[in-house]
Amino acid sequence: MKRNKVVSGLVVVLIVMSFVLVSCGGGGGGSSAPACTTCSNVAGTWYTTEIVHSTTCSGSFPRTEHNYYTVTQNGCNLTVTTSGLTFNGQICDNTLSWSGSYPDDGGTTAITSSSFTLSGATFTGTANWTWSGSGSSCSGYTDTTATKQ
């Protein structure tokens, strides 16, 4: 199902974006977080194993999906591309995160948060996502393990 593949891709993206925001001090009251000064190199192609979970969406959950992500990097800023979708994110030290939304199965899927930890040529973490369309919505999360190719 198209939504399932896209949802898992977005979940990975959200996971990475959330992790960067958390590790770089994103959010908070009134003062801006210091810029990240140490950014691991994560540019390249990554192969993922994603376990997609939802208790509120129809469909078969949990399910396992596999995807390839292409990551380009400019300093600590990331562009993550998969299955024709592009997400923006960051890496701070060894923490990645990204977010974004995209049309999916007659609605929109949004990665609401993501956080991934880099260790060598692997990153692992979780992305939270929501889907909405036709007056309804549902949510879930995707656990991801990625290996650099």
Protein backbone atom coordinates (compact mmCIF):
# COMPACT_ATOMS: atom_id res chain seq x y z
CA MET A 1 0.00 0.00 0.00
CA LYS A 2 1.38 3.41 -0.99
CA ARG A 3 0.61 5.08 2.34
CA ASN A 4 2.50 2.42 4.26
CA LYS A 5 5.75 2.93 2.33
CA VAL A 6 5.51 6.69 2.47
CA VAL A 7 4.56 6.68 6.15
CA SER A 8 7.62 4.65 7.05
CA GLY A 9 9.85 6.95 5.03
CA LEU A 10 8.38 9.97 6.73
CA VAL A 11 8.70 8.39 10.09
CA VAL A 12 12.40 7.98 9.55
CA VAL A 13 12.63 11.58 8.48
CA LEU A 14 10.72 12.76 11.54
CA ILE A 15 12.85 10.68 13.81
CA VAL A 16 15.99 12.24 12.55
CA MET A 17 14.60 15.79 12.75
CA SER A 18 13.38 15.33 16.31
CA PHE A 19 16.67 13.97 17.46
CA VAL A 20 18.55 16.93 16.05
CA LEU A 21 16.20 19.42 17.65
CA VAL A 22 16.50 17.72 21.02
CA SER A 23 20.26 17.36 20.89
CA CYS A 24 20.79 20.91 19.67
CA GLY A 25 18.46 22.41 22.26
CA GLY A 26 15.60 23.32 19.92
CA GLY A 27 12.49 24.84 21.42
CA GLY A 28 12.23 26.51 24.76
CA GLY A 29 11.29 29.88 26.08
CA GLY A 30 12.52 32.97 24.38
CA SER A 31 16.23 32.43 23.85
CA SER A 32 17.65 30.78 20.81
CA ALA A 33 19.61 27.58 21.18
CA PRO A 34 23.32 27.69 20.48
CA ALA A 35 24.28 26.56 17.00
CA CYS A 36 25.62 23.06 16.72
CA THR A 37 29.35 23.17 16.13
CA THR A 38 30.14 19.46 15.78
CA CYS A 39 28.37 17.70 12.94
CA SER A 40 29.15 14.09 12.05
CA ASN A 41 29.35 13.29 8.35
CA VAL A 42 26.25 11.34 7.32
CA ALA A 43 26.17 12.18 3.60
CA GLY A 44 25.58 9.18 1.37
CA THR A 45 23.12 6.38 0.79
CA TRP A 46 21.50 4.56 3.72
CA TYR A 47 19.52 1.30 3.67
CA THR A 48 16.80 1.12 6.31
CA THR A 49 14.78 -1.51 8.08
CA GLU A 50 11.67 0.16 9.45
CA ILE A 51 9.05 -1.30 11.79
CA VAL A 52 5.88 0.77 11.36
CA HIS A 53 3.48 0.82 14.32
CA SER A 54 -0.03 2.23 14.74
CA THR A 55 -2.96 1.42 16.97
CA THR A 56 -5.24 4.05 15.43
CA CYS A 57 -4.78 3.56 11.66
CA SER A 58 -6.44 0.87 9.60
CA GLY A 59 -4.15 -1.60 7.93
CA SER A 60 -1.68 -4.23 8.94
CA PHE A 61 0.48 -3.10 11.88
CA PRO A 62 3.17 -3.59 12.86
CA ARG A 63 4.82 -4.16 9.52
CA THR A 64 8.40 -4.16 8.31
CA GLU A 65 9.55 -2.05 5.37
CA HIS A 66 12.91 -1.46 3.71
CA ASN A 67 13.95 1.79 2.02
CA TYR A 68 16.96 3.63 0.67
CA TYR A 69 17.65 7.21 1.78
CA THR A 70 20.03 9.63 0.11
CA VAL A 71 21.44 12.19 2.53
CA THR A 72 23.22 15.33 1.39
CA GLN A 73 24.86 17.56 3.93
CA ASN A 74 25.88 21.21 4.15
CA GLY A 75 27.55 21.71 7.52
CA CYS A 76 25.00 20.52 10.10
CA ASN A 77 22.02 20.83 7.71
CA LEU A 78 20.69 17.74 5.95
CA THR A 79 18.52 17.05 2.94
CA VAL A 80 17.04 13.55 3.03
CA THR A 81 15.48 12.08 -0.11
CA THR A 82 13.56 8.81 -0.43
CA SER A 83 10.95 7.55 -2.91
CA GLY A 84 10.66 10.98 -4.53
CA LEU A 85 10.16 12.75 -1.18
CA THR A 86 12.52 15.35 0.27
CA PHE A 87 12.87 16.31 3.94
CA ASN A 88 15.06 18.84 5.69
CA GLY A 89 16.88 18.14 8.90
CA GLN A 90 20.01 18.55 10.96
CA ILE A 91 22.76 16.61 12.59
CA CYS A 92 24.30 17.76 15.84
CA ASP A 93 27.17 15.70 17.21
CA ASN A 94 25.86 12.15 16.59
CA THR A 95 22.14 12.98 16.64
CA LEU A 96 20.08 13.28 13.45
CA SER A 97 16.54 14.54 12.94
CA TRP A 98 14.29 15.66 10.12
CA SER A 99 10.63 16.43 9.52
CA GLY A 100 8.15 17.25 6.83
CA SER A 101 4.83 16.29 5.33
CA TYR A 102 3.69 14.84 2.03
CA PRO A 103 0.53 13.78 0.18
CA ASP A 104 -0.32 10.19 1.03
CA ASP A 105 -3.24 7.90 0.20
CA GLY A 106 -5.76 10.71 -0.30
CA GLY A 107 -4.53 12.70 2.71
CA THR A 108 -1.34 14.04 4.23
CA THR A 109 1.26 12.31 6.37
CA ALA A 110 3.38 14.49 8.64
CA ILE A 111 6.44 13.46 10.57
CA THR A 112 5.83 15.22 13.85
CA SER A 113 9.13 14.35 15.53
CA SER A 114 12.15 12.16 14.97
CA SER A 115 15.37 11.29 16.71
CA PHE A 116 18.18 9.03 15.53
CA THR A 117 21.56 8.24 17.07
CA LEU A 118 24.57 7.71 14.82
CA SER A 119 27.10 5.04 15.79
CA GLY A 120 29.73 4.32 13.16
CA ALA A 121 28.00 3.42 9.90
CA THR A 122 24.59 2.87 11.55
CA PHE A 123 21.86 5.05 12.95
CA THR A 124 18.84 3.97 14.97
CA GLY A 125 15.83 5.76 16.38
CA THR A 126 12.15 6.53 16.13
CA ALA A 127 9.92 8.87 14.13
CA ASN A 128 6.40 9.84 15.17
CA TRP A 129 3.85 10.53 12.44
CA THR A 130 0.23 11.47 11.83
CA TRP A 131 -1.97 10.94 8.81
CA SER A 132 -5.04 13.05 8.11
CA GLY A 133 -7.53 13.17 5.28
CA SER A 134 -11.25 13.03 4.46
CA GLY A 135 -12.21 14.23 7.94
CA SER A 136 -10.27 11.56 9.80
CA SER A 137 -6.81 11.11 11.22
CA CYS A 138 -4.57 8.50 12.79
CA SER A 139 -1.06 8.30 14.15
CA GLY A 140 1.82 5.99 14.87
CA TYR A 141 5.57 5.67 15.03
CA THR A 142 8.31 3.94 13.12
CA ASP A 143 11.41 2.34 14.64
CA THR A 144 14.31 2.54 12.21
CA THR A 145 17.74 1.03 11.81
CA ALA A 146 19.84 2.37 8.91
CA THR A 147 23.16 1.18 7.55
CA LYS A 148 25.38 3.30 5.32
CA GLN A 149 25.95 1.73 1.92
